Amino acid sequence: MTQIRILLIDDDDAVREVTAAVLRQAGHTVTPAPNAKTGLTLHHADPHDLIITDINMPDMDGLELIMALRHAAPRPRVIAISGGYRLSESLFLPLAQRLGVRHALAKPFRAEALLQAVDAVLAEPAPVTVGVVA
C-alpha cells in the first residue's frame, strides 16, 4: 500500500508533534508546518494527499487557508482541527465544513478519532476544484 502524504499545519508545537507521531505510527508520511502560510507554500510546491489544519492561528487562519485551497488543482482533502475556546466547536468547525471540509475535530481529540477521520476522508472521492472546468 502506498504511504499517504499528510501536511499537518498547527501553530502549537506540542499538538503538531504529538499528532505527527500518531500519524507516522499509523504508517503515513507527515510534513509538519507551523503556520498556514508555510503550509500553503509547502502544498503548492509539492501537493499532499491530505491536509490537516488548525483553524485558530495567527497571521493566516485555517479558514483563509481552506478558502485558498478551494482553487488549488488538484483540490486537496482537508480535515480541520480546532480548540482552545468555545467558539471553535460552535462556529469555526461548522464554518470549515460549509467551506468543503468533510471532517472537523475539536481539540483535544483521541488518536483513534484522528485516524478514523483520516481513513474516512481518504475513502471519499477527491474534492472538485472550485472554478476549474474539467
C-alpha atoms as a PDB file:
ATOM      1  CA  MET A   1       0.000   0.000   0.000  1.00  0.00           C
ATOM      2  CA  THR A   2       1.230   3.480  -0.850  1.00  0.00           C
ATOM      3  CA  GLN A   3       2.050   5.745   2.074  1.00  0.00           C
ATOM      4  CA  ILE A   4      -0.339   8.646   2.367  1.00  0.00           C
ATOM      5  CA  ARG A   5       1.358  12.044   2.406  1.00  0.00           C
ATOM      6  CA  ILE A   6      -0.164  14.353   5.014  1.00  0.00           C
ATOM      7  CA  LEU A   7       0.548  18.044   5.528  1.00  0.00           C
ATOM      8  CA  LEU A   8      -0.050  18.876   9.198  1.00  0.00           C
ATOM      9  CA  ILE A   9      -0.491  22.580   9.958  1.00  0.00           C
ATOM     10  CA  ASP A  10      -0.716  23.749  13.567  1.00  0.00           C
ATOM     11  CA  ASP A  11       0.937  26.651  15.378  1.00  0.00           C
ATOM     12  CA  ASP A  12       1.026  24.700  18.665  1.00  0.00           C
ATOM     13  CA  ASP A  13       4.328  22.797  18.691  1.00  0.00           C
ATOM     14  CA  ALA A  14       3.136  20.159  21.169  1.00  0.00           C
ATOM     15  CA  VAL A  15      -0.084  19.420  19.252  1.00  0.00           C
ATOM     16  CA  ARG A  16       1.826  19.287  15.966  1.00  0.00           C
ATOM     17  CA  GLU A  17       4.464  16.898  17.362  1.00  0.00           C
ATOM     18  CA  VAL A  18       2.018  14.508  19.056  1.00  0.00           C
ATOM     19  CA  THR A  19      -0.357  14.472  16.075  1.00  0.00           C
ATOM     20  CA  ALA A  20       2.523  13.853  13.660  1.00  0.00           C
ATOM     21  CA  ALA A  21       3.752  10.966  15.820  1.00  0.00           C
ATOM     22  CA  VAL A  22       0.287   9.349  15.805  1.00  0.00           C
ATOM     23  CA  LEU A  23       0.040   9.682  12.029  1.00  0.00           C
ATOM     24  CA  ARG A  24       3.551   8.350  11.442  1.00  0.00           C
ATOM     25  CA  GLN A  25       2.904   5.382  13.728  1.00  0.00           C
ATOM     26  CA  ALA A  26      -0.121   4.604  11.531  1.00  0.00           C
ATOM     27  CA  GLY A  27       2.213   4.474   8.509  1.00  0.00           C
ATOM     28  CA  HIS A  28       1.673   7.908   6.994  1.00  0.00           C
ATOM     29  CA  THR A  29       4.320  10.328   5.770  1.00  0.00           C
ATOM     30  CA  VAL A  30       3.881  13.653   7.588  1.00  0.00           C
ATOM     31  CA  THR A  31       5.171  17.102   6.669  1.00  0.00           C
ATOM     32  CA  PRO A  32       4.732  19.488   9.620  1.00  0.00           C
ATOM     33  CA  ALA A  33       4.140  23.214   9.163  1.00  0.00           C
ATOM     34  CA  PRO A  34       3.994  25.788  11.985  1.00  0.00           C
ATOM     35  CA  ASN A  35       1.526  28.109  10.254  1.00  0.00           C
ATOM     36  CA  ALA A  36      -0.905  28.378   7.341  1.00  0.00           C
ATOM     37  CA  LYS A  37       1.345  30.474   5.092  1.00  0.00           C
ATOM     38  CA  THR A  38       4.167  27.945   5.334  1.00  0.00           C
ATOM     39  CA  GLY A  39       1.697  25.099   4.825  1.00  0.00           C
ATOM     40  CA  LEU A  40       0.233  26.710   1.711  1.00  0.00           C
ATOM     41  CA  THR A  41       3.724  27.222   0.269  1.00  0.00           C
ATOM     42  CA  LEU A  42       4.668  23.594   1.022  1.00  0.00           C
ATOM     43  CA  HIS A  43       1.477  22.281  -0.557  1.00  0.00           C
ATOM     44  CA  HIS A  44       1.856  24.369  -3.718  1.00  0.00           C
ATOM     45  CA  ALA A  45       5.465  23.190  -4.111  1.00  0.00           C
ATOM     46  CA  ASP A  46       4.616  19.512  -3.543  1.00  0.00           C
ATOM     47  CA  PRO A  47       0.897  18.611  -3.232  1.00  0.00           C
ATOM     48  CA  HIS A  48      -0.120  16.276  -0.423  1.00  0.00           C
ATOM     49  CA  ASP A  49      -2.868  13.638  -0.292  1.00  0.00           C
ATOM     50  CA  LEU A  50      -4.417  15.196   2.797  1.00  0.00           C
ATOM     51  CA  ILE A  51      -4.091  18.421   4.767  1.00  0.00           C
ATOM     52  CA  ILE A  52      -4.892  18.585   8.476  1.00  0.00           C
ATOM     53  CA  THR A  53      -5.078  22.182   9.592  1.00  0.00           C
ATOM     54  CA  ASP A  54      -5.743  24.048  12.784  1.00  0.00           C
ATOM     55  CA  ILE A  55      -8.293  26.832  12.444  1.00  0.00           C
ATOM     56  CA  ASN A  56      -7.118  29.336  15.059  1.00  0.00           C
ATOM     57  CA  MET A  57      -3.664  30.555  14.008  1.00  0.00           C
ATOM     58  CA  PRO A  58      -2.041  33.985  13.807  1.00  0.00           C
ATOM     59  CA  ASP A  59      -1.443  35.794  10.505  1.00  0.00           C
ATOM     60  CA  MET A  60      -3.405  33.469   8.196  1.00  0.00           C
ATOM     61  CA  ASP A  61      -6.004  31.315   9.916  1.00  0.00           C
ATOM     62  CA  GLY A  62      -7.183  27.894   8.840  1.00  0.00           C
ATOM     63  CA  LEU A  63     -10.386  29.228   7.283  1.00  0.00           C
ATOM     64  CA  GLU A  64      -8.368  31.509   4.998  1.00  0.00           C
ATOM     65  CA  LEU A  65      -6.177  28.528   4.110  1.00  0.00           C
ATOM     66  CA  ILE A  66      -9.220  26.382   3.312  1.00  0.00           C
ATOM     67  CA  MET A  67     -10.613  29.126   1.058  1.00  0.00           C
ATOM     68  CA  ALA A  68      -7.265  29.416  -0.757  1.00  0.00           C
ATOM     69  CA  LEU A  69      -7.134  25.645  -1.251  1.00  0.00           C
ATOM     70  CA  ARG A  70     -10.582  25.586  -2.875  1.00  0.00           C
ATOM     71  CA  HIS A  71      -8.940  26.828  -6.079  1.00  0.00           C
ATOM     72  CA  ALA A  72      -5.927  24.506  -5.973  1.00  0.00           C
ATOM     73  CA  ALA A  73      -5.686  21.867  -8.668  1.00  0.00           C
ATOM     74  CA  PRO A  74      -5.939  19.166  -7.646  1.00  0.00           C
ATOM     75  CA  ARG A  75      -8.024  20.263  -4.680  1.00  0.00           C
ATOM     76  CA  PRO A  76      -6.740  18.556  -1.526  1.00  0.00           C
ATOM     77  CA  ARG A  77      -8.757  16.680   1.043  1.00  0.00           C
ATOM     78  CA  VAL A  78      -8.817  18.643   4.310  1.00  0.00           C
ATOM     79  CA  ILE A  79      -9.516  17.861   7.960  1.00  0.00           C
ATOM     80  CA  ALA A  80      -9.993  20.882  10.229  1.00  0.00           C
ATOM     81  CA  ILE A  81      -8.961  20.791  13.876  1.00  0.00           C
ATOM     82  CA  SER A  82      -9.602  23.462  16.441  1.00  0.00           C
ATOM     83  CA  GLY A  83      -9.796  24.032  20.149  1.00  0.00           C
ATOM     84  CA  GLY A  84      -8.916  26.342  22.920  1.00  0.00           C
ATOM     85  CA  TYR A  85     -12.197  28.123  23.291  1.00  0.00           C
ATOM     86  CA  ARG A  86     -15.942  27.689  22.953  1.00  0.00           C
ATOM     87  CA  LEU A  87     -16.311  29.312  19.514  1.00  0.00           C
ATOM     88  CA  SER A  88     -14.138  26.625  17.933  1.00  0.00           C
ATOM     89  CA  GLU A  89     -16.783  23.930  18.111  1.00  0.00           C
ATOM     90  CA  SER A  90     -19.853  26.120  17.736  1.00  0.00           C
ATOM     91  CA  LEU A  91     -18.685  28.457  14.963  1.00  0.00           C
ATOM     92  CA  PHE A  92     -15.327  27.744  13.336  1.00  0.00           C
ATOM     93  CA  LEU A  93     -15.569  23.990  12.758  1.00  0.00           C
ATOM     94  CA  PRO A  94     -19.092  24.183  11.240  1.00  0.00           C
ATOM     95  CA  LEU A  95     -17.920  27.073   9.035  1.00  0.00           C
ATOM     96  CA  ALA A  96     -14.971  24.961   7.847  1.00  0.00           C
ATOM     97  CA  GLN A  97     -17.414  22.223   6.903  1.00  0.00           C
ATOM     98  CA  ARG A  98     -19.534  24.715   4.944  1.00  0.00           C
ATOM     99  CA  LEU A  99     -16.349  25.609   3.047  1.00  0.00           C
ATOM    100  CA  GLY A 100     -15.980  21.996   1.947  1.00  0.00           C
ATOM    101  CA  VAL A 101     -14.060  20.345   4.770  1.00  0.00           C
ATOM    102  CA  ARG A 102     -15.513  16.853   5.207  1.00  0.00           C
ATOM    103  CA  HIS A 103     -14.330  16.215   8.768  1.00  0.00           C
ATOM    104  CA  ALA A 104     -13.648  18.502  11.708  1.00  0.00           C
ATOM    105  CA  LEU A 105     -12.233  17.544  15.085  1.00  0.00           C
ATOM    106  CA  ALA A 106     -12.365  19.552  18.289  1.00  0.00           C
ATOM    107  CA  LYS A 107      -9.198  19.570  20.398  1.00  0.00           C
ATOM    108  CA  PRO A 108      -8.334  17.679  22.405  1.00  0.00           C
ATOM    109  CA  PHE A 109      -9.135  14.631  20.283  1.00  0.00           C
ATOM    110  CA  ARG A 110      -8.187  10.996  20.751  1.00  0.00           C
ATOM    111  CA  ALA A 111      -5.705   9.307  18.426  1.00  0.00           C
ATOM    112  CA  GLU A 112      -8.426   6.849  17.376  1.00  0.00           C
ATOM    113  CA  ALA A 113     -10.755   9.688  16.361  1.00  0.00           C
ATOM    114  CA  LEU A 114      -7.998  11.289  14.285  1.00  0.00           C
ATOM    115  CA  LEU A 115      -7.136   8.054  12.498  1.00  0.00           C
ATOM    116  CA  GLN A 116     -10.822   7.304  11.848  1.00  0.00           C
ATOM    117  CA  ALA A 117     -11.259  10.765  10.329  1.00  0.00           C
ATOM    118  CA  VAL A 118      -8.153  10.287   8.150  1.00  0.00           C
ATOM    119  CA  ASP A 119      -9.415   6.904   6.917  1.00  0.00           C
ATOM    120  CA  ALA A 120     -12.892   8.308   6.226  1.00  0.00           C
ATOM    121  CA  VAL A 121     -11.598  11.313   4.287  1.00  0.00           C
ATOM    122  CA  LEU A 122      -9.218   9.219   2.212  1.00  0.00           C
ATOM    123  CA  ALA A 123     -12.040   6.792   1.344  1.00  0.00           C
ATOM    124  CA  GLU A 124     -14.134   9.625  -0.128  1.00  0.00           C
ATOM    125  CA  PRO A 125     -13.900  10.761  -3.742  1.00  0.00           C
ATOM    126  CA  ALA A 126     -11.402  13.559  -4.351  1.00  0.00           C
ATOM    127  CA  PRO A 127     -12.981  17.009  -3.988  1.00  0.00           C
ATOM    128  CA  VAL A 128     -13.729  19.047  -7.088  1.00  0.00           C
ATOM    129  CA  THR A 129     -11.679  22.196  -7.572  1.00  0.00           C
ATOM    130  CA  VAL A 130     -13.864  25.314  -7.479  1.00  0.00           C
ATOM    131  CA  GLY A 131     -13.699  27.429 -10.627  1.00  0.00           C
ATOM    132  CA  VAL A 132     -11.842  24.858 -12.746  1.00  0.00           C
ATOM    133  CA  VAL A 133     -13.613  23.247 -15.695  1.00  0.00           C
ATOM    134  CA  ALA A 134     -12.535  19.705 -16.495  1.00  0.00           C
END
